[in-house]
């Protein structure tokens, strides 16, 4: 598998050359999308190497933070290009993708051939409540606009207040997991790092810079792709941009799940989804006002219901502190159903 990802690194220079050579934007989009995947993988691997030298709580935080670097970078470039709907759709897709697709594959791969896998129920439920807080925050601006359209001018200010509240709660969640209740975030077993600190940091830096470069190219090809293929910005953002950005979490979560480290796998996926809603979305919103393309936290009802249903099914599955491959298959099936619906959504 490592050789496959190493081979995929060839897409980085190919995508850059294709962009400057004036190749079709559709081809450039898929080349740059393929280029993000190995870069995200090496971001995840370097992060895991650094995380292995810490406790599980900090490990989950590092994986979620750097795993979300591609989403944040792509989001900034999309905002700068004025593609606000793509940014919102990618936020939606990242939350859904982490909860259903990434966690689904992790539970499926980790549980295959085993009767069950166990994890800390308390931390899983705490993560679920954080996700419910996030969906409350995302729903309120939309409901406000729906019930008081005459007050639409207030929505940007409301979005900023909600964003600040989410950032405060994100900081509170860090205090909970890293300080006041760090004893809950323990894990049996120990991963022995294979890389040195210097190599891990250098790999992380180079991969992140590569993601930034190809992300700019990717975003520039989105509007021509919409015209040539007839896909909506909603579908591109929810499925393609989000799946590309989730590549690091996908690789890391599945890898640790196979190693029977389910606490870390769930910490990566649910932590990443919560971080998208409570950190990435608010940060992108605040940045949008500085770059001249202000964004609000008003998502359409289809996106909100999809996020809510994703949170509900995940909370049902992790509530007992156990998982098996069939539950992973259920999450994957739920993702496929939602993805197909987004494809046909106008």
C-alpha atoms as a PDB file:
ATOM      1  CA  UNK A   1       0.000   0.000   0.000  1.00  0.00           C
ATOM      2  CA  UNK A   2       2.858   2.388   0.764  1.00  0.00           C
ATOM      3  CA  UNK A   3       4.210   1.815  -2.759  1.00  0.00           C
ATOM      4  CA  UNK A   4       0.809   2.740  -4.178  1.00  0.00           C
ATOM      5  CA  UNK A   5       0.769   6.051  -2.313  1.00  0.00           C
ATOM      6  CA  UNK A   6       4.381   6.669  -3.296  1.00  0.00           C
ATOM      7  CA  UNK A   7       3.402   6.148  -6.908  1.00  0.00           C
ATOM      8  CA  UNK A   8       0.468   8.525  -6.537  1.00  0.00           C
ATOM      9  CA  UNK A   9       2.928  11.284  -5.622  1.00  0.00           C
ATOM     10  CA  UNK A  10       3.681  11.485  -9.349  1.00  0.00           C
ATOM     11  CA  UNK A  11       0.307  13.181  -9.720  1.00  0.00           C
ATOM     12  CA  UNK A  12       1.663  16.233  -7.875  1.00  0.00           C
ATOM     13  CA  UNK A  13       4.130  17.357 -10.585  1.00  0.00           C
ATOM     14  CA  UNK A  14       1.814  16.057 -13.323  1.00  0.00           C
ATOM     15  CA  UNK A  15      -1.100  18.162 -12.044  1.00  0.00           C
ATOM     16  CA  UNK A  16       1.108  21.256 -11.755  1.00  0.00           C
ATOM     17  CA  UNK A  17       2.537  20.767 -15.256  1.00  0.00           C
ATOM     18  CA  UNK A  18      -0.942  20.131 -16.708  1.00  0.00           C
ATOM     19  CA  UNK A  19      -2.185  23.353 -15.124  1.00  0.00           C
ATOM     20  CA  UNK A  20       0.601  25.479 -16.608  1.00  0.00           C
ATOM     21  CA  UNK A  21       0.380  23.655 -19.956  1.00  0.00           C
ATOM     22  CA  UNK A  22      -3.250  24.717 -20.380  1.00  0.00           C
ATOM     23  CA  UNK A  23      -4.701  21.203 -20.290  1.00  0.00           C
ATOM     24  CA  UNK A  24      -8.503  20.856 -20.032  1.00  0.00           C
ATOM     25  CA  UNK A  25      -9.745  22.067 -16.611  1.00  0.00           C
ATOM     26  CA  UNK A  26     -11.697  18.819 -16.204  1.00  0.00           C
ATOM     27  CA  UNK A  27      -8.512  16.764 -16.530  1.00  0.00           C
ATOM     28  CA  UNK A  28      -6.636  19.196 -14.296  1.00  0.00           C
ATOM     29  CA  UNK A  29      -9.342  18.858 -11.613  1.00  0.00           C
ATOM     30  CA  UNK A  30      -9.038  15.073 -11.434  1.00  0.00           C
ATOM     31  CA  UNK A  31      -5.235  15.173 -11.624  1.00  0.00           C
ATOM     32  CA  UNK A  32      -5.029  17.670  -8.765  1.00  0.00           C
ATOM     33  CA  UNK A  33      -7.624  15.687  -6.798  1.00  0.00           C
ATOM     34  CA  UNK A  34      -5.474  12.575  -7.187  1.00  0.00           C
ATOM     35  CA  UNK A  35      -2.428  14.607  -6.144  1.00  0.00           C
ATOM     36  CA  UNK A  36      -4.045  15.668  -2.857  1.00  0.00           C
ATOM     37  CA  UNK A  37      -4.602  12.035  -1.793  1.00  0.00           C
ATOM     38  CA  UNK A  38      -0.965  10.913  -1.331  1.00  0.00           C
ATOM     39  CA  UNK A  39      -0.057  14.266   0.225  1.00  0.00           C
ATOM     40  CA  UNK A  40      -2.893  13.854   2.712  1.00  0.00           C
ATOM     41  CA  UNK A  41      -1.713  10.320   3.395  1.00  0.00           C
ATOM     42  CA  UNK A  42       1.776  11.497   4.279  1.00  0.00           C
ATOM     43  CA  UNK A  43       0.320  14.259   6.428  1.00  0.00           C
ATOM     44  CA  UNK A  44      -1.567  11.521   8.280  1.00  0.00           C
ATOM     45  CA  UNK A  45       1.454   9.230   8.555  1.00  0.00           C
ATOM     46  CA  UNK A  46       3.772  11.978   9.766  1.00  0.00           C
ATOM     47  CA  UNK A  47       1.139  13.058  12.257  1.00  0.00           C
ATOM     48  CA  UNK A  48       0.736   9.501  13.543  1.00  0.00           C
ATOM     49  CA  UNK A  49       4.488   9.278  14.047  1.00  0.00           C
ATOM     50  CA  UNK A  50       4.462  12.490  16.082  1.00  0.00           C
ATOM     51  CA  UNK A  51       1.265  11.486  17.884  1.00  0.00           C
ATOM     52  CA  UNK A  52       2.766   8.146  18.946  1.00  0.00           C
ATOM     53  CA  UNK A  53       5.085  10.056  21.238  1.00  0.00           C
ATOM     54  CA  UNK A  54       2.127  11.512  23.174  1.00  0.00           C
ATOM     55  CA  UNK A  55      -0.998  10.250  24.969  1.00  0.00           C
ATOM     56  CA  UNK A  56      -4.155   9.162  23.062  1.00  0.00           C
ATOM     57  CA  UNK A  57      -5.959  12.487  23.664  1.00  0.00           C
ATOM     58  CA  UNK A  58      -3.167  14.546  22.131  1.00  0.00           C
ATOM     59  CA  UNK A  59      -2.737  11.895  19.426  1.00  0.00           C
ATOM     60  CA  UNK A  60      -6.396  12.260  18.414  1.00  0.00           C
ATOM     61  CA  UNK A  61      -6.043  16.048  18.461  1.00  0.00           C
ATOM     62  CA  UNK A  62      -2.939  15.992  16.260  1.00  0.00           C
ATOM     63  CA  UNK A  63      -4.526  13.567  13.786  1.00  0.00           C
ATOM     64  CA  UNK A  64      -7.736  15.576  13.589  1.00  0.00           C
ATOM     65  CA  UNK A  65      -5.930  18.922  13.301  1.00  0.00           C
ATOM     66  CA  UNK A  66      -3.456  18.030  10.570  1.00  0.00           C
ATOM     67  CA  UNK A  67      -5.911  15.643   8.953  1.00  0.00           C
ATOM     68  CA  UNK A  68      -8.172  18.657   8.439  1.00  0.00           C
ATOM     69  CA  UNK A  69      -5.382  20.790   6.982  1.00  0.00           C
ATOM     70  CA  UNK A  70      -6.401  19.927   3.378  1.00  0.00           C
ATOM     71  CA  UNK A  71     -10.044  20.958   4.031  1.00  0.00           C
ATOM     72  CA  UNK A  72      -8.943  24.250   5.574  1.00  0.00           C
ATOM     73  CA  UNK A  73      -6.488  25.014   2.777  1.00  0.00           C
ATOM     74  CA  UNK A  74      -8.958  24.102   0.018  1.00  0.00           C
ATOM     75  CA  UNK A  75     -11.644  26.133   1.812  1.00  0.00           C
ATOM     76  CA  UNK A  76      -9.464  29.255   1.939  1.00  0.00           C
ATOM     77  CA  UNK A  77      -8.678  29.061  -1.783  1.00  0.00           C
ATOM     78  CA  UNK A  78     -12.358  28.442  -2.591  1.00  0.00           C
ATOM     79  CA  UNK A  79     -13.392  31.460  -0.507  1.00  0.00           C
ATOM     80  CA  UNK A  80     -10.830  33.596  -2.288  1.00  0.00           C
ATOM     81  CA  UNK A  81     -12.347  32.457  -5.594  1.00  0.00           C
ATOM     82  CA  UNK A  82     -15.835  33.363  -4.366  1.00  0.00           C
ATOM     83  CA  UNK A  83     -17.027  29.733  -4.338  1.00  0.00           C
ATOM     84  CA  UNK A  84     -18.909  30.074  -1.056  1.00  0.00           C
ATOM     85  CA  UNK A  85     -21.381  27.274  -1.805  1.00  0.00           C
ATOM     86  CA  UNK A  86     -18.495  24.898  -2.475  1.00  0.00           C
ATOM     87  CA  UNK A  87     -16.999  25.823   0.904  1.00  0.00           C
ATOM     88  CA  UNK A  88     -20.274  25.168   2.728  1.00  0.00           C
ATOM     89  CA  UNK A  89     -20.787  21.928   0.819  1.00  0.00           C
ATOM     90  CA  UNK A  90     -17.259  20.766   1.667  1.00  0.00           C
ATOM     91  CA  UNK A  91     -17.957  21.448   5.366  1.00  0.00           C
ATOM     92  CA  UNK A  92     -21.112  19.360   5.121  1.00  0.00           C
ATOM     93  CA  UNK A  93     -19.336  16.616   3.189  1.00  0.00           C
ATOM     94  CA  UNK A  94     -16.402  16.528   5.604  1.00  0.00           C
ATOM     95  CA  UNK A  95     -18.678  16.014   8.595  1.00  0.00           C
ATOM     96  CA  UNK A  96     -20.730  13.345   6.819  1.00  0.00           C
ATOM     97  CA  UNK A  97     -17.652  11.731   5.293  1.00  0.00           C
ATOM     98  CA  UNK A  98     -15.797  11.440   8.599  1.00  0.00           C
ATOM     99  CA  UNK A  99     -18.815  10.067  10.461  1.00  0.00           C
ATOM    100  CA  UNK A 100     -20.121   7.660   7.837  1.00  0.00           C
ATOM    101  CA  UNK A 101     -17.475   6.836   5.233  1.00  0.00           C
ATOM    102  CA  UNK A 102     -14.237   7.051   7.224  1.00  0.00           C
ATOM    103  CA  UNK A 103     -15.606   5.678  10.505  1.00  0.00           C
ATOM    104  CA  UNK A 104     -17.584   3.094   8.550  1.00  0.00           C
ATOM    105  CA  UNK A 105     -14.483   1.762   6.802  1.00  0.00           C
ATOM    106  CA  UNK A 106     -12.524   1.861  10.072  1.00  0.00           C
ATOM    107  CA  UNK A 107     -15.148  -0.182  11.927  1.00  0.00           C
ATOM    108  CA  UNK A 108     -15.576  -2.552   8.975  1.00  0.00           C
ATOM    109  CA  UNK A 109     -11.839  -3.131   8.458  1.00  0.00           C
ATOM    110  CA  UNK A 110     -11.079  -3.323  12.165  1.00  0.00           C
ATOM    111  CA  UNK A 111     -13.983  -5.636  12.930  1.00  0.00           C
ATOM    112  CA  UNK A 112     -13.549  -8.038  10.005  1.00  0.00           C
ATOM    113  CA  UNK A 113     -12.635 -11.461  11.366  1.00  0.00           C
ATOM    114  CA  UNK A 114     -13.385 -10.447  14.942  1.00  0.00           C
ATOM    115  CA  UNK A 115     -16.541 -10.913  16.992  1.00  0.00           C
ATOM    116  CA  UNK A 116     -16.366  -7.333  18.233  1.00  0.00           C
ATOM    117  CA  UNK A 117     -14.084  -4.461  19.112  1.00  0.00           C
ATOM    118  CA  UNK A 118     -14.429  -2.365  22.242  1.00  0.00           C
ATOM    119  CA  UNK A 119     -13.674   1.247  23.079  1.00  0.00           C
ATOM    120  CA  UNK A 120     -14.269   3.800  25.820  1.00  0.00           C
ATOM    121  CA  UNK A 121     -18.014   4.450  25.815  1.00  0.00           C
ATOM    122  CA  UNK A 122     -17.731   7.641  27.893  1.00  0.00           C
ATOM    123  CA  UNK A 123     -15.416   9.391  25.448  1.00  0.00           C
ATOM    124  CA  UNK A 124     -17.466   8.214  22.457  1.00  0.00           C
ATOM    125  CA  UNK A 125     -20.667   9.637  23.988  1.00  0.00           C
ATOM    126  CA  UNK A 126     -18.858  12.886  24.870  1.00  0.00           C
ATOM    127  CA  UNK A 127     -17.834  13.192  21.234  1.00  0.00           C
ATOM    128  CA  UNK A 128     -21.423  12.570  20.174  1.00  0.00           C
ATOM    129  CA  UNK A 129     -22.731  15.362  22.396  1.00  0.00           C
ATOM    130  CA  UNK A 130     -20.159  17.751  20.905  1.00  0.00           C
ATOM    131  CA  UNK A 131     -21.479  16.858  17.458  1.00  0.00           C
ATOM    132  CA  UNK A 132     -25.050  17.543  18.591  1.00  0.00           C
ATOM    133  CA  UNK A 133     -23.952  20.964  19.824  1.00  0.00           C
ATOM    134  CA  UNK A 134     -22.406  21.583  16.413  1.00  0.00           C
ATOM    135  CA  UNK A 135     -25.591  20.695  14.538  1.00  0.00           C
ATOM    136  CA  UNK A 136     -27.624  22.955  16.853  1.00  0.00           C
ATOM    137  CA  UNK A 137     -25.268  25.800  15.994  1.00  0.00           C
ATOM    138  CA  UNK A 138     -25.525  25.095  12.259  1.00  0.00           C
ATOM    139  CA  UNK A 139     -29.305  24.717  12.288  1.00  0.00           C
ATOM    140  CA  UNK A 140     -30.152  27.934  14.167  1.00  0.00           C
ATOM    141  CA  UNK A 141     -29.058  30.457  11.480  1.00  0.00           C
ATOM    142  CA  UNK A 142     -31.045  28.547   8.836  1.00  0.00           C
ATOM    143  CA  UNK A 143     -34.146  28.382  11.038  1.00  0.00           C
ATOM    144  CA  UNK A 144     -33.782  32.067  11.894  1.00  0.00           C
ATOM    145  CA  UNK A 145     -33.683  33.036   8.215  1.00  0.00           C
ATOM    146  CA  UNK A 146     -36.601  30.717   7.409  1.00  0.00           C
ATOM    147  CA  UNK A 147     -38.829  32.061  10.190  1.00  0.00           C
ATOM    148  CA  UNK A 148     -37.763  35.721   9.994  1.00  0.00           C
ATOM    149  CA  UNK A 149     -36.815  36.469   6.356  1.00  0.00           C
ATOM    150  CA  UNK A 150     -37.469  40.160   6.981  1.00  0.00           C
ATOM    151  CA  UNK A 151     -34.454  40.149   9.305  1.00  0.00           C
ATOM    152  CA  UNK A 152     -32.027  38.664   6.781  1.00  0.00           C
ATOM    153  CA  UNK A 153     -29.621  41.559   7.354  1.00  0.00           C
ATOM    154  CA  UNK A 154     -28.961  40.221  10.850  1.00  0.00           C
ATOM    155  CA  UNK A 155     -27.817  36.792   9.636  1.00  0.00           C
ATOM    156  CA  UNK A 156     -24.128  37.720   9.063  1.00  0.00           C
ATOM    157  CA  UNK A 157     -23.871  39.063  12.628  1.00  0.00           C
ATOM    158  CA  UNK A 158     -25.697  36.007  13.975  1.00  0.00           C
ATOM    159  CA  UNK A 159     -23.283  33.755  12.085  1.00  0.00           C
ATOM    160  CA  UNK A 160     -20.303  35.528  13.644  1.00  0.00           C
ATOM    161  CA  UNK A 161     -21.740  35.127  17.164  1.00  0.00           C
ATOM    162  CA  UNK A 162     -22.407  31.426  16.496  1.00  0.00           C
ATOM    163  CA  UNK A 163     -18.892  31.004  15.107  1.00  0.00           C
ATOM    164  CA  UNK A 164     -17.349  32.583  18.196  1.00  0.00           C
ATOM    165  CA  UNK A 165     -19.508  30.375  20.470  1.00  0.00           C
ATOM    166  CA  UNK A 166     -18.350  27.276  18.568  1.00  0.00           C
ATOM    167  CA  UNK A 167     -14.704  28.306  18.872  1.00  0.00           C
ATOM    168  CA  UNK A 168     -15.130  28.804  22.623  1.00  0.00           C
ATOM    169  CA  UNK A 169     -16.700  25.360  22.967  1.00  0.00           C
ATOM    170  CA  UNK A 170     -13.937  23.865  20.843  1.00  0.00           C
ATOM    171  CA  UNK A 171     -11.386  25.277  23.282  1.00  0.00           C
ATOM    172  CA  UNK A 172     -13.498  23.909  26.146  1.00  0.00           C
ATOM    173  CA  UNK A 173     -13.450  20.464  24.540  1.00  0.00           C
ATOM    174  CA  UNK A 174      -9.662  20.606  24.414  1.00  0.00           C
ATOM    175  CA  UNK A 175      -9.519  21.490  28.103  1.00  0.00           C
ATOM    176  CA  UNK A 176     -11.872  18.569  28.835  1.00  0.00           C
ATOM    177  CA  UNK A 177      -9.877  15.983  26.873  1.00  0.00           C
ATOM    178  CA  UNK A 178      -6.372  17.224  27.591  1.00  0.00           C
ATOM    179  CA  UNK A 179      -6.648  18.464  31.173  1.00  0.00           C
ATOM    180  CA  UNK A 180      -9.687  17.972  33.417  1.00  0.00           C
ATOM    181  CA  UNK A 181     -10.692  14.529  32.092  1.00  0.00           C
ATOM    182  CA  UNK A 182      -7.515  13.347  30.399  1.00  0.00           C
ATOM    183  CA  UNK A 183      -7.747  10.106  32.402  1.00  0.00           C
ATOM    184  CA  UNK A 184     -10.656   9.045  30.199  1.00  0.00           C
ATOM    185  CA  UNK A 185      -8.494   9.182  27.094  1.00  0.00           C
ATOM    186  CA  UNK A 186      -6.245   6.218  27.776  1.00  0.00           C
ATOM    187  CA  UNK A 187      -5.511   3.323  25.503  1.00  0.00           C
ATOM    188  CA  UNK A 188      -3.987  -0.118  25.876  1.00  0.00           C
ATOM    189  CA  UNK A 189      -0.929  -0.951  23.838  1.00  0.00           C
ATOM    190  CA  UNK A 190       1.756   1.304  22.457  1.00  0.00           C
ATOM    191  CA  UNK A 191       2.733   2.189  18.917  1.00  0.00           C
ATOM    192  CA  UNK A 192       6.496   2.194  18.356  1.00  0.00           C
ATOM    193  CA  UNK A 193       7.451   5.098  16.067  1.00  0.00           C
ATOM    194  CA  UNK A 194       9.433   4.250  12.940  1.00  0.00           C
ATOM    195  CA  UNK A 195      10.469   7.790  12.013  1.00  0.00           C
ATOM    196  CA  UNK A 196      12.503  10.327  13.897  1.00  0.00           C
ATOM    197  CA  UNK A 197      10.994  13.652  14.943  1.00  0.00           C
ATOM    198  CA  UNK A 198      12.957  15.581  12.299  1.00  0.00           C
ATOM    199  CA  UNK A 199      11.764  13.321   9.463  1.00  0.00           C
ATOM    200  CA  UNK A 200       8.167  13.489  10.702  1.00  0.00           C
ATOM    201  CA  UNK A 201       8.172  17.304  10.869  1.00  0.00           C
ATOM    202  CA  UNK A 202       9.875  17.651   7.457  1.00  0.00           C
ATOM    203  CA  UNK A 203       7.393  15.252   5.839  1.00  0.00           C
ATOM    204  CA  UNK A 204       4.489  17.102   7.445  1.00  0.00           C
ATOM    205  CA  UNK A 205       5.782  20.463   6.210  1.00  0.00           C
ATOM    206  CA  UNK A 206       6.491  19.357   2.617  1.00  0.00           C
ATOM    207  CA  UNK A 207       3.182  17.473   2.295  1.00  0.00           C
ATOM    208  CA  UNK A 208       1.213  20.448   3.621  1.00  0.00           C
ATOM    209  CA  UNK A 209       2.918  22.824   1.161  1.00  0.00           C
ATOM    210  CA  UNK A 210       2.185  20.401  -1.682  1.00  0.00           C
ATOM    211  CA  UNK A 211      -1.471  20.229  -0.643  1.00  0.00           C
ATOM    212  CA  UNK A 212      -1.649  24.032  -0.670  1.00  0.00           C
ATOM    213  CA  UNK A 213      -0.233  24.213  -4.207  1.00  0.00           C
ATOM    214  CA  UNK A 214      -2.423  21.557  -5.783  1.00  0.00           C
ATOM    215  CA  UNK A 215      -5.479  22.797  -3.837  1.00  0.00           C
ATOM    216  CA  UNK A 216      -5.215  26.170  -5.532  1.00  0.00           C
ATOM    217  CA  UNK A 217      -5.126  24.406  -8.898  1.00  0.00           C
ATOM    218  CA  UNK A 218      -8.051  22.172  -7.910  1.00  0.00           C
ATOM    219  CA  UNK A 219     -10.242  25.121  -6.884  1.00  0.00           C
ATOM    220  CA  UNK A 220      -9.457  26.959 -10.099  1.00  0.00           C
ATOM    221  CA  UNK A 221     -10.814  24.012 -12.107  1.00  0.00           C
ATOM    222  CA  UNK A 222     -14.138  23.725 -10.238  1.00  0.00           C
ATOM    223  CA  UNK A 223     -16.190  26.269 -12.199  1.00  0.00           C
ATOM    224  CA  UNK A 224     -15.119  24.908 -15.624  1.00  0.00           C
ATOM    225  CA  UNK A 225     -15.914  21.405 -14.305  1.00  0.00           C
ATOM    226  CA  UNK A 226     -19.452  22.512 -13.394  1.00  0.00           C
ATOM    227  CA  UNK A 227     -19.950  23.772 -16.948  1.00  0.00           C
ATOM    228  CA  UNK A 228     -18.407  20.772 -18.734  1.00  0.00           C
ATOM    229  CA  UNK A 229     -19.909  17.920 -16.679  1.00  0.00           C
ATOM    230  CA  UNK A 230     -23.085  19.570 -15.434  1.00  0.00           C
ATOM    231  CA  UNK A 231     -22.393  18.661 -11.808  1.00  0.00           C
ATOM    232  CA  UNK A 232     -23.561  21.053  -9.141  1.00  0.00           C
ATOM    233  CA  UNK A 233     -21.206  22.894  -6.806  1.00  0.00           C
ATOM    234  CA  UNK A 234     -23.132  21.193  -4.003  1.00  0.00           C
ATOM    235  CA  UNK A 235     -22.231  17.700  -5.233  1.00  0.00           C
ATOM    236  CA  UNK A 236     -18.617  18.607  -5.991  1.00  0.00           C
ATOM    237  CA  UNK A 237     -18.176  20.126  -2.537  1.00  0.00           C
ATOM    238  CA  UNK A 238     -19.993  17.452  -0.526  1.00  0.00           C
ATOM    239  CA  UNK A 239     -18.494  14.438  -2.268  1.00  0.00           C
ATOM    240  CA  UNK A 240     -15.308  15.203  -4.187  1.00  0.00           C
ATOM    241  CA  UNK A 241     -13.727  18.016  -2.192  1.00  0.00           C
ATOM    242  CA  UNK A 242     -14.691  16.418   1.126  1.00  0.00           C
ATOM    243  CA  UNK A 243     -13.504  12.905   0.210  1.00  0.00           C
ATOM    244  CA  UNK A 244     -10.215  14.295  -1.081  1.00  0.00           C
ATOM    245  CA  UNK A 245      -9.732  16.301   2.086  1.00  0.00           C
ATOM    246  CA  UNK A 246     -10.619  13.312   4.274  1.00  0.00           C
ATOM    247  CA  UNK A 247      -7.957  11.078   2.756  1.00  0.00           C
ATOM    248  CA  UNK A 248      -5.597  11.547   5.708  1.00  0.00           C
ATOM    249  CA  UNK A 249      -8.260  10.681   8.293  1.00  0.00           C
ATOM    250  CA  UNK A 250      -9.382   7.734   6.168  1.00  0.00           C
ATOM    251  CA  UNK A 251      -5.906   6.251   6.028  1.00  0.00           C
ATOM    252  CA  UNK A 252      -5.089   6.932   9.703  1.00  0.00           C
ATOM    253  CA  UNK A 253      -8.420   5.756  11.124  1.00  0.00           C
ATOM    254  CA  UNK A 254      -8.533   2.515   9.113  1.00  0.00           C
ATOM    255  CA  UNK A 255      -4.885   1.754   9.908  1.00  0.00           C
ATOM    256  CA  UNK A 256      -5.291   2.144  13.674  1.00  0.00           C
ATOM    257  CA  UNK A 257      -8.626   0.266  13.639  1.00  0.00           C
ATOM    258  CA  UNK A 258      -6.962  -2.730  12.002  1.00  0.00           C
ATOM    259  CA  UNK A 259      -4.396  -2.572  14.810  1.00  0.00           C
ATOM    260  CA  UNK A 260      -7.340  -2.832  17.247  1.00  0.00           C
ATOM    261  CA  UNK A 261      -6.864   0.735  18.485  1.00  0.00           C
ATOM    262  CA  UNK A 262     -10.552   1.654  18.249  1.00  0.00           C
ATOM    263  CA  UNK A 263     -10.386   4.448  20.825  1.00  0.00           C
ATOM    264  CA  UNK A 264      -7.951   6.283  18.595  1.00  0.00           C
ATOM    265  CA  UNK A 265      -9.912   5.449  15.410  1.00  0.00           C
ATOM    266  CA  UNK A 266     -13.126   6.872  16.860  1.00  0.00           C
ATOM    267  CA  UNK A 267     -11.199   9.797  18.311  1.00  0.00           C
ATOM    268  CA  UNK A 268      -9.806  10.635  14.877  1.00  0.00           C
ATOM    269  CA  UNK A 269     -13.136  10.411  13.028  1.00  0.00           C
ATOM    270  CA  UNK A 270     -15.566  11.930  15.514  1.00  0.00           C
ATOM    271  CA  UNK A 271     -12.928  14.412  16.638  1.00  0.00           C
ATOM    272  CA  UNK A 272     -12.289  15.445  13.051  1.00  0.00           C
ATOM    273  CA  UNK A 273     -16.012  15.833  12.320  1.00  0.00           C
ATOM    274  CA  UNK A 274     -16.486  17.926  15.459  1.00  0.00           C
ATOM    275  CA  UNK A 275     -13.422  19.979  14.617  1.00  0.00           C
ATOM    276  CA  UNK A 276     -14.754  20.682  11.120  1.00  0.00           C
ATOM    277  CA  UNK A 277     -17.962  22.082  12.628  1.00  0.00           C
ATOM    278  CA  UNK A 278     -16.488  23.766  15.701  1.00  0.00           C
ATOM    279  CA  UNK A 279     -13.159  25.009  14.354  1.00  0.00           C
ATOM    280  CA  UNK A 280     -12.766  24.836  10.560  1.00  0.00           C
ATOM    281  CA  UNK A 281     -16.217  26.251   9.738  1.00  0.00           C
ATOM    282  CA  UNK A 282     -15.956  29.196  12.187  1.00  0.00           C
ATOM    283  CA  UNK A 283     -12.385  29.966  11.088  1.00  0.00           C
ATOM    284  CA  UNK A 284     -13.366  29.929   7.410  1.00  0.00           C
ATOM    285  CA  UNK A 285     -16.333  32.185   8.203  1.00  0.00           C
ATOM    286  CA  UNK A 286     -14.124  34.727   9.999  1.00  0.00           C
ATOM    287  CA  UNK A 287     -11.520  34.578   7.224  1.00  0.00           C
ATOM    288  CA  UNK A 288     -14.229  35.159   4.612  1.00  0.00           C
ATOM    289  CA  UNK A 289     -14.941  38.630   5.997  1.00  0.00           C
ATOM    290  CA  UNK A 290     -11.279  39.597   5.678  1.00  0.00           C
ATOM    291  CA  UNK A 291     -10.849  38.449   2.074  1.00  0.00           C
ATOM    292  CA  UNK A 292     -13.961  40.208   0.791  1.00  0.00           C
ATOM    293  CA  UNK A 293     -16.247  37.211   0.239  1.00  0.00           C
ATOM    294  CA  UNK A 294     -18.319  37.068   3.455  1.00  0.00           C
ATOM    295  CA  UNK A 295     -19.914  33.730   4.250  1.00  0.00           C
ATOM    296  CA  UNK A 296     -22.740  32.913   6.649  1.00  0.00           C
ATOM    297  CA  UNK A 297     -23.523  29.721   8.526  1.00  0.00           C
ATOM    298  CA  UNK A 298     -26.835  29.304   6.708  1.00  0.00           C
ATOM    299  CA  UNK A 299     -26.812  25.814   5.200  1.00  0.00           C
ATOM    300  CA  UNK A 300     -29.678  24.455   3.110  1.00  0.00           C
ATOM    301  CA  UNK A 301     -32.127  22.057   4.712  1.00  0.00           C
ATOM    302  CA  UNK A 302     -30.886  19.091   2.691  1.00  0.00           C
ATOM    303  CA  UNK A 303     -27.365  19.544   4.064  1.00  0.00           C
ATOM    304  CA  UNK A 304     -28.567  20.008   7.649  1.00  0.00           C
ATOM    305  CA  UNK A 305     -30.799  16.926   7.623  1.00  0.00           C
ATOM    306  CA  UNK A 306     -27.945  14.859   6.167  1.00  0.00           C
ATOM    307  CA  UNK A 307     -25.601  15.986   8.951  1.00  0.00           C
ATOM    308  CA  UNK A 308     -28.232  15.373  11.635  1.00  0.00           C
ATOM    309  CA  UNK A 309     -29.005  11.842  10.403  1.00  0.00           C
ATOM    310  CA  UNK A 310     -25.295  11.047  10.215  1.00  0.00           C
ATOM    311  CA  UNK A 311     -24.799  12.128  13.826  1.00  0.00           C
ATOM    312  CA  UNK A 312     -27.823  10.110  14.958  1.00  0.00           C
ATOM    313  CA  UNK A 313     -26.752   6.813  13.394  1.00  0.00           C
ATOM    314  CA  UNK A 314     -23.165   7.169  14.650  1.00  0.00           C
ATOM    315  CA  UNK A 315     -24.353   7.909  18.189  1.00  0.00           C
ATOM    316  CA  UNK A 316     -26.583   4.823  18.075  1.00  0.00           C
ATOM    317  CA  UNK A 317     -23.678   2.627  16.970  1.00  0.00           C
ATOM    318  CA  UNK A 318     -21.087   3.836  19.496  1.00  0.00           C
ATOM    319  CA  UNK A 319     -23.469   4.128  22.474  1.00  0.00           C
ATOM    320  CA  UNK A 320     -22.724   0.606  23.756  1.00  0.00           C
ATOM    321  CA  UNK A 321     -18.940   0.907  23.573  1.00  0.00           C
ATOM    322  CA  UNK A 322     -18.696  -1.971  21.091  1.00  0.00           C
ATOM    323  CA  UNK A 323     -18.549  -2.291  17.303  1.00  0.00           C
ATOM    324  CA  UNK A 324     -18.463  -4.979  14.631  1.00  0.00           C
ATOM    325  CA  UNK A 325     -17.952  -5.140  10.879  1.00  0.00           C
ATOM    326  CA  UNK A 326     -21.697  -5.114  10.141  1.00  0.00           C
ATOM    327  CA  UNK A 327     -22.125  -1.761  11.877  1.00  0.00           C
ATOM    328  CA  UNK A 328     -19.301  -0.427   9.738  1.00  0.00           C
ATOM    329  CA  UNK A 329     -21.113  -1.674   6.631  1.00  0.00           C
ATOM    330  CA  UNK A 330     -24.257   0.136   7.777  1.00  0.00           C
ATOM    331  CA  UNK A 331     -22.382   3.437   8.033  1.00  0.00           C
ATOM    332  CA  UNK A 332     -20.893   2.960   4.562  1.00  0.00           C
ATOM    333  CA  UNK A 333     -24.352   2.166   3.134  1.00  0.00           C
ATOM    334  CA  UNK A 334     -25.770   5.304   4.757  1.00  0.00           C
ATOM    335  CA  UNK A 335     -23.007   7.362   3.132  1.00  0.00           C
ATOM    336  CA  UNK A 336     -23.670   5.852  -0.307  1.00  0.00           C
ATOM    337  CA  UNK A 337     -27.386   6.637  -0.019  1.00  0.00           C
ATOM    338  CA  UNK A 338     -26.701  10.250   0.963  1.00  0.00           C
ATOM    339  CA  UNK A 339     -24.049  10.645  -1.763  1.00  0.00           C
ATOM    340  CA  UNK A 340     -26.465   9.424  -4.448  1.00  0.00           C
ATOM    341  CA  UNK A 341     -29.101  11.844  -3.173  1.00  0.00           C
ATOM    342  CA  UNK A 342     -26.626  14.737  -3.411  1.00  0.00           C
ATOM    343  CA  UNK A 343     -25.765  13.699  -6.986  1.00  0.00           C
ATOM    344  CA  UNK A 344     -29.389  14.038  -8.070  1.00  0.00           C
ATOM    345  CA  UNK A 345     -30.098  17.131  -5.955  1.00  0.00           C
ATOM    346  CA  UNK A 346     -30.444  20.212  -8.194  1.00  0.00           C
END
